[in-house]
Amino acid sequence: MSNGETSRFVRLHVELVMEVTDAARLTGAAVDRLNDDPALPDDERRQSLETVRDDPAEALAHLVDPFDLVTGVPGTQLAQASWSSEEMTDYDPDAEWDAAEWDLADDADGEG
């Protein structure tokens, strides 16, 4: 803020790349989580089960909750969160990490 005030809201950008080493185990955990959720309506449960069985990225999205990342941070309260997942067909785990490739170059310079 240009007037010298600071915002009490902070956007925290987190990028993770997860390697799926056991798709069946990942999918099973997501299916269990969906089946154990009493608040989930049956129609939504059926659709979600179909989705996680077809796509490991969706299974992962059902198991990772941003709230869990910040629950224990003192002096804060989560105001809003969103997340998504996608398969990365062009990812090279042996390539050197490049902030510009992840659109983090401006953030690292303090301009983003």
N, C-alpha and C. Protein backbone atom coordinates (compact mmCIF):
# COMPACT_ATOMS: atom_id res chain seq x y z
N MET A 1 0.85 -1.17 0.00
CA MET A 1 0.00 0.00 0.00
C MET A 1 0.90 1.23 0.00
N SER A 2 0.57 2.20 -0.80
CA SER A 2 1.44 3.36 -0.96
C SER A 2 1.31 4.39 0.16
N ASN A 3 0.26 4.33 0.96
CA ASN A 3 0.07 5.33 2.00
C ASN A 3 0.74 4.96 3.33
N GLY A 4 1.61 3.96 3.32
CA GLY A 4 2.32 3.58 4.52
C GLY A 4 1.58 2.56 5.37
N GLU A 5 0.34 2.28 5.06
CA GLU A 5 -0.41 1.27 5.80
C GLU A 5 -0.06 -0.11 5.27
N THR A 6 -0.17 -1.09 6.13
CA THR A 6 0.02 -2.47 5.68
C THR A 6 -1.30 -3.19 5.77
N SER A 7 -1.51 -4.10 4.85
CA SER A 7 -2.74 -4.87 4.85
C SER A 7 -2.63 -5.99 5.87
N ARG A 8 -3.72 -6.33 6.45
CA ARG A 8 -3.70 -7.48 7.35
C ARG A 8 -3.94 -8.77 6.59
N PHE A 9 -4.15 -8.67 5.28
CA PHE A 9 -4.33 -9.85 4.44
C PHE A 9 -3.06 -10.08 3.61
N VAL A 10 -2.61 -11.31 3.58
CA VAL A 10 -1.39 -11.68 2.87
C VAL A 10 -1.70 -12.87 1.97
N ARG A 11 -1.34 -12.76 0.69
CA ARG A 11 -1.52 -13.88 -0.23
C ARG A 11 -0.23 -14.71 -0.19
N LEU A 12 -0.37 -15.98 0.15
CA LEU A 12 0.76 -16.90 0.22
C LEU A 12 0.68 -17.83 -0.98
N HIS A 13 1.66 -17.73 -1.88
CA HIS A 13 1.70 -18.60 -3.06
C HIS A 13 2.51 -19.84 -2.72
N VAL A 14 1.94 -20.99 -2.98
CA VAL A 14 2.65 -22.26 -2.76
C VAL A 14 2.50 -23.11 -4.00
N GLU A 15 3.60 -23.55 -4.55
CA GLU A 15 3.59 -24.47 -5.70
C GLU A 15 4.25 -25.77 -5.25
N LEU A 16 3.60 -26.87 -5.47
CA LEU A 16 4.15 -28.17 -5.13
C LEU A 16 4.07 -29.06 -6.36
N VAL A 17 5.04 -29.91 -6.55
CA VAL A 17 4.98 -30.95 -7.56
C VAL A 17 5.10 -32.27 -6.81
N MET A 18 4.09 -33.08 -6.93
CA MET A 18 4.07 -34.36 -6.24
C MET A 18 4.29 -35.47 -7.26
N GLU A 19 5.09 -36.45 -6.90
CA GLU A 19 5.28 -37.62 -7.75
C GLU A 19 4.34 -38.71 -7.24
N VAL A 20 3.51 -39.25 -8.10
CA VAL A 20 2.61 -40.34 -7.73
C VAL A 20 3.40 -41.63 -7.89
N THR A 21 3.75 -42.24 -6.77
CA THR A 21 4.54 -43.46 -6.79
C THR A 21 3.67 -44.72 -6.68
N ASP A 22 2.43 -44.55 -6.23
CA ASP A 22 1.50 -45.67 -6.10
C ASP A 22 0.08 -45.14 -6.33
N ALA A 23 -0.33 -45.14 -7.59
CA ALA A 23 -1.64 -44.57 -7.96
C ALA A 23 -2.79 -45.30 -7.28
N ALA A 24 -2.69 -46.59 -7.14
CA ALA A 24 -3.77 -47.35 -6.50
C ALA A 24 -3.92 -46.97 -5.03
N ARG A 25 -2.82 -46.78 -4.36
CA ARG A 25 -2.87 -46.39 -2.95
C ARG A 25 -3.42 -44.97 -2.80
N LEU A 26 -2.98 -44.07 -3.68
CA LEU A 26 -3.48 -42.69 -3.67
C LEU A 26 -4.98 -42.67 -3.92
N THR A 27 -5.42 -43.38 -4.94
CA THR A 27 -6.84 -43.42 -5.27
C THR A 27 -7.64 -44.04 -4.14
N GLY A 28 -7.12 -45.10 -3.55
CA GLY A 28 -7.81 -45.75 -2.43
C GLY A 28 -8.00 -44.81 -1.25
N ALA A 29 -6.98 -44.02 -0.95
CA ALA A 29 -7.09 -43.06 0.15
C ALA A 29 -8.14 -42.00 -0.15
N ALA A 30 -8.19 -41.53 -1.39
CA ALA A 30 -9.19 -40.52 -1.77
C ALA A 30 -10.60 -41.12 -1.71
N VAL A 31 -10.75 -42.35 -2.17
CA VAL A 31 -12.05 -43.02 -2.11
C VAL A 31 -12.49 -43.17 -0.66
N ASP A 32 -11.57 -43.59 0.21
CA ASP A 32 -11.90 -43.73 1.64
C ASP A 32 -12.33 -42.40 2.23
N ARG A 33 -11.61 -41.32 1.90
CA ARG A 33 -11.94 -39.99 2.43
C ARG A 33 -13.35 -39.59 1.98
N LEU A 34 -13.67 -39.82 0.72
CA LEU A 34 -14.99 -39.45 0.21
C LEU A 34 -16.08 -40.30 0.85
N ASN A 35 -15.84 -41.59 0.99
CA ASN A 35 -16.84 -42.48 1.60
C ASN A 35 -17.05 -42.18 3.07
N ASP A 36 -16.04 -41.64 3.74
CA ASP A 36 -16.14 -41.35 5.18
C ASP A 36 -16.68 -39.96 5.49
N ASP A 37 -16.98 -39.17 4.46
CA ASP A 37 -17.45 -37.80 4.67
C ASP A 37 -18.98 -37.79 4.80
N PRO A 38 -19.50 -37.67 6.02
CA PRO A 38 -20.95 -37.72 6.21
C PRO A 38 -21.68 -36.49 5.66
N ALA A 39 -20.97 -35.40 5.44
CA ALA A 39 -21.61 -34.17 4.97
C ALA A 39 -21.75 -34.14 3.45
N LEU A 40 -21.14 -35.08 2.76
CA LEU A 40 -21.15 -35.09 1.30
C LEU A 40 -22.44 -35.70 0.77
N PRO A 41 -23.21 -34.94 -0.02
CA PRO A 41 -24.45 -35.49 -0.60
C PRO A 41 -24.13 -36.67 -1.54
N ASP A 42 -25.05 -37.62 -1.61
CA ASP A 42 -24.81 -38.84 -2.40
C ASP A 42 -24.48 -38.56 -3.86
N ASP A 43 -25.18 -37.62 -4.49
CA ASP A 43 -24.90 -37.31 -5.89
C ASP A 43 -23.48 -36.77 -6.07
N GLU A 44 -23.08 -35.89 -5.18
CA GLU A 44 -21.73 -35.33 -5.26
C GLU A 44 -20.68 -36.40 -4.95
N ARG A 45 -21.00 -37.29 -4.02
CA ARG A 45 -20.09 -38.39 -3.68
C ARG A 45 -19.87 -39.29 -4.90
N ARG A 46 -20.93 -39.66 -5.58
CA ARG A 46 -20.81 -40.52 -6.77
C ARG A 46 -19.95 -39.86 -7.84
N GLN A 47 -20.21 -38.59 -8.10
CA GLN A 47 -19.44 -37.86 -9.11
C GLN A 47 -17.97 -37.75 -8.69
N SER A 48 -17.72 -37.44 -7.45
CA SER A 48 -16.34 -37.31 -6.96
C SER A 48 -15.61 -38.65 -7.00
N LEU A 49 -16.30 -39.72 -6.63
CA LEU A 49 -15.68 -41.05 -6.68
C LEU A 49 -15.27 -41.42 -8.10
N GLU A 50 -16.13 -41.13 -9.05
CA GLU A 50 -15.81 -41.40 -10.45
C GLU A 50 -14.59 -40.59 -10.89
N THR A 51 -14.56 -39.34 -10.48
CA THR A 51 -13.46 -38.45 -10.87
C THR A 51 -12.12 -38.91 -10.29
N VAL A 52 -12.09 -39.24 -8.99
CA VAL A 52 -10.82 -39.64 -8.38
C VAL A 52 -10.34 -41.00 -8.89
N ARG A 53 -11.27 -41.85 -9.29
CA ARG A 53 -10.86 -43.16 -9.84
C ARG A 53 -10.24 -43.01 -11.22
N ASP A 54 -10.64 -41.97 -11.95
CA ASP A 54 -10.14 -41.76 -13.31
C ASP A 54 -8.87 -40.93 -13.38
N ASP A 55 -8.58 -40.14 -12.34
CA ASP A 55 -7.49 -39.16 -12.44
C ASP A 55 -6.74 -39.04 -11.11
N PRO A 56 -5.48 -39.49 -11.06
CA PRO A 56 -4.70 -39.37 -9.83
C PRO A 56 -4.55 -37.92 -9.35
N ALA A 57 -4.51 -36.96 -10.27
CA ALA A 57 -4.41 -35.56 -9.88
C ALA A 57 -5.65 -35.14 -9.09
N GLU A 58 -6.81 -35.62 -9.49
CA GLU A 58 -8.04 -35.31 -8.74
C GLU A 58 -8.05 -36.01 -7.39
N ALA A 59 -7.53 -37.24 -7.35
CA ALA A 59 -7.44 -37.95 -6.07
C ALA A 59 -6.57 -37.15 -5.11
N LEU A 60 -5.46 -36.65 -5.59
CA LEU A 60 -4.56 -35.84 -4.76
C LEU A 60 -5.25 -34.57 -4.28
N ALA A 61 -6.01 -33.93 -5.16
CA ALA A 61 -6.72 -32.70 -4.79
C ALA A 61 -7.75 -32.95 -3.68
N HIS A 62 -8.29 -34.15 -3.63
CA HIS A 62 -9.26 -34.48 -2.58
C HIS A 62 -8.58 -34.79 -1.24
N LEU A 63 -7.28 -35.04 -1.28
CA LEU A 63 -6.56 -35.39 -0.06
C LEU A 63 -5.75 -34.24 0.53
N VAL A 64 -5.42 -33.24 -0.28
CA VAL A 64 -4.61 -32.12 0.18
C VAL A 64 -5.52 -30.92 0.44
N ASP A 65 -5.43 -30.38 1.64
CA ASP A 65 -6.27 -29.26 2.02
C ASP A 65 -5.37 -28.12 2.49
N PRO A 66 -5.42 -26.96 1.82
CA PRO A 66 -4.58 -25.83 2.24
C PRO A 66 -4.79 -25.43 3.70
N PHE A 67 -5.96 -25.65 4.21
CA PHE A 67 -6.24 -25.31 5.61
C PHE A 67 -5.27 -26.04 6.53
N ASP A 68 -4.95 -27.30 6.20
CA ASP A 68 -4.03 -28.08 7.03
C ASP A 68 -2.63 -27.47 7.06
N LEU A 69 -2.24 -26.74 6.01
CA LEU A 69 -0.92 -26.15 5.94
C LEU A 69 -0.74 -24.98 6.91
N VAL A 70 -1.83 -24.29 7.23
CA VAL A 70 -1.71 -23.06 8.01
C VAL A 70 -2.44 -23.10 9.35
N THR A 71 -3.04 -24.20 9.69
CA THR A 71 -3.81 -24.29 10.92
C THR A 71 -3.01 -23.92 12.15
N GLY A 72 -1.75 -24.33 12.23
CA GLY A 72 -0.96 -24.10 13.42
C GLY A 72 -0.15 -22.81 13.41
N VAL A 73 -0.35 -21.94 12.42
CA VAL A 73 0.43 -20.70 12.36
C VAL A 73 -0.18 -19.70 13.35
N PRO A 74 0.59 -19.32 14.38
CA PRO A 74 0.04 -18.43 15.41
C PRO A 74 -0.25 -17.03 14.85
N GLY A 75 -1.31 -16.45 15.35
CA GLY A 75 -1.64 -15.07 15.00
C GLY A 75 -2.29 -14.92 13.64
N THR A 76 -2.75 -16.03 13.06
CA THR A 76 -3.37 -15.97 11.74
C THR A 76 -4.67 -16.75 11.71
N GLN A 77 -5.49 -16.41 10.75
CA GLN A 77 -6.72 -17.14 10.49
C GLN A 77 -6.89 -17.20 8.98
N LEU A 78 -7.16 -18.36 8.44
CA LEU A 78 -7.34 -18.52 7.00
C LEU A 78 -8.62 -17.79 6.57
N ALA A 79 -8.48 -16.85 5.65
CA ALA A 79 -9.61 -16.06 5.17
C ALA A 79 -10.22 -16.66 3.92
N GLN A 80 -9.39 -17.25 3.07
CA GLN A 80 -9.88 -17.81 1.81
C GLN A 80 -8.82 -18.76 1.28
N ALA A 81 -9.24 -19.83 0.61
CA ALA A 81 -8.28 -20.76 0.02
C ALA A 81 -8.88 -21.38 -1.22
N SER A 82 -8.03 -21.65 -2.17
CA SER A 82 -8.43 -22.41 -3.34
C SER A 82 -7.23 -23.20 -3.80
N TRP A 83 -7.48 -24.30 -4.46
CA TRP A 83 -6.39 -25.11 -4.96
C TRP A 83 -6.90 -25.98 -6.09
N SER A 84 -5.97 -26.43 -6.89
CA SER A 84 -6.31 -27.31 -8.00
C SER A 84 -5.11 -28.21 -8.26
N SER A 85 -5.33 -29.18 -9.09
CA SER A 85 -4.24 -30.08 -9.44
C SER A 85 -4.36 -30.43 -10.91
N GLU A 86 -3.24 -30.79 -11.49
CA GLU A 86 -3.23 -31.18 -12.89
C GLU A 86 -2.03 -32.08 -13.14
N GLU A 87 -2.17 -33.00 -14.06
CA GLU A 87 -1.04 -33.83 -14.43
C GLU A 87 -0.06 -32.99 -15.24
N MET A 88 1.22 -33.20 -14.98
CA MET A 88 2.28 -32.45 -15.67
C MET A 88 2.98 -33.41 -16.62
N THR A 89 2.55 -33.42 -17.86
CA THR A 89 3.12 -34.35 -18.83
C THR A 89 4.49 -33.92 -19.33
N ASP A 90 4.83 -32.64 -19.16
CA ASP A 90 6.12 -32.14 -19.65
C ASP A 90 7.12 -31.86 -18.54
N TYR A 91 6.87 -32.35 -17.33
CA TYR A 91 7.75 -32.10 -16.19
C TYR A 91 8.99 -33.00 -16.27
N ASP A 92 10.15 -32.41 -16.06
CA ASP A 92 11.42 -33.14 -16.04
C ASP A 92 12.00 -33.03 -14.64
N PRO A 93 11.93 -34.10 -13.84
CA PRO A 93 12.42 -34.02 -12.46
C PRO A 93 13.93 -33.81 -12.36
N ASP A 94 14.66 -34.04 -13.45
CA ASP A 94 16.12 -33.86 -13.43
C ASP A 94 16.55 -32.47 -13.88
N ALA A 95 15.60 -31.68 -14.38
CA ALA A 95 15.93 -30.34 -14.86
C ALA A 95 16.16 -29.41 -13.67
N GLU A 96 17.03 -28.43 -13.88
CA GLU A 96 17.29 -27.45 -12.83
C GLU A 96 16.04 -26.59 -12.64
N TRP A 97 15.73 -26.26 -11.39
CA TRP A 97 14.55 -25.46 -11.07
C TRP A 97 14.75 -24.03 -11.54
N ASP A 98 13.73 -23.47 -12.17
CA ASP A 98 13.81 -22.12 -12.71
C ASP A 98 12.55 -21.35 -12.29
N ALA A 99 12.73 -20.33 -11.45
CA ALA A 99 11.59 -19.55 -10.94
C ALA A 99 10.79 -18.92 -12.07
N ALA A 100 11.45 -18.50 -13.14
CA ALA A 100 10.75 -17.86 -14.26
C ALA A 100 9.78 -18.84 -14.91
N GLU A 101 10.18 -20.09 -14.99
CA GLU A 101 9.32 -21.11 -15.60
C GLU A 101 8.03 -21.29 -14.81
N TRP A 102 8.10 -21.07 -13.51
CA TRP A 102 6.94 -21.24 -12.64
C TRP A 102 6.22 -19.92 -12.40
N ASP A 103 6.55 -18.90 -13.16
CA ASP A 103 5.94 -17.58 -13.01
C ASP A 103 6.17 -17.00 -11.62
N LEU A 104 7.31 -17.34 -11.01
CA LEU A 104 7.62 -16.85 -9.68
C LEU A 104 8.75 -15.81 -9.73
N ALA A 105 9.26 -15.52 -10.91
CA ALA A 105 10.39 -14.60 -11.02
C ALA A 105 10.03 -13.21 -10.48
N ASP A 106 8.86 -12.70 -10.83
CA ASP A 106 8.44 -11.40 -10.32
C ASP A 106 8.25 -11.42 -8.81
N ASP A 107 7.71 -12.54 -8.30
CA ASP A 107 7.51 -12.67 -6.85
C ASP A 107 8.85 -12.66 -6.14
N ALA A 108 9.86 -13.33 -6.71
CA ALA A 108 11.18 -13.39 -6.08
C ALA A 108 11.84 -12.01 -6.07
N ASP A 109 11.54 -11.17 -7.07
CA ASP A 109 12.10 -9.81 -7.14
C ASP A 109 11.33 -8.83 -6.27
N GLY A 110 10.21 -9.27 -5.70
CA GLY A 110 9.40 -8.38 -4.88
C GLY A 110 8.44 -7.53 -5.69
N GLU A 111 8.30 -7.84 -6.99
CA GLU A 111 7.41 -7.04 -7.84
C GLU A 111 6.05 -7.70 -8.01
N GLY A 112 5.90 -8.96 -7.65
CA GLY A 112 4.67 -9.70 -7.95
C GLY A 112 3.68 -9.58 -6.94
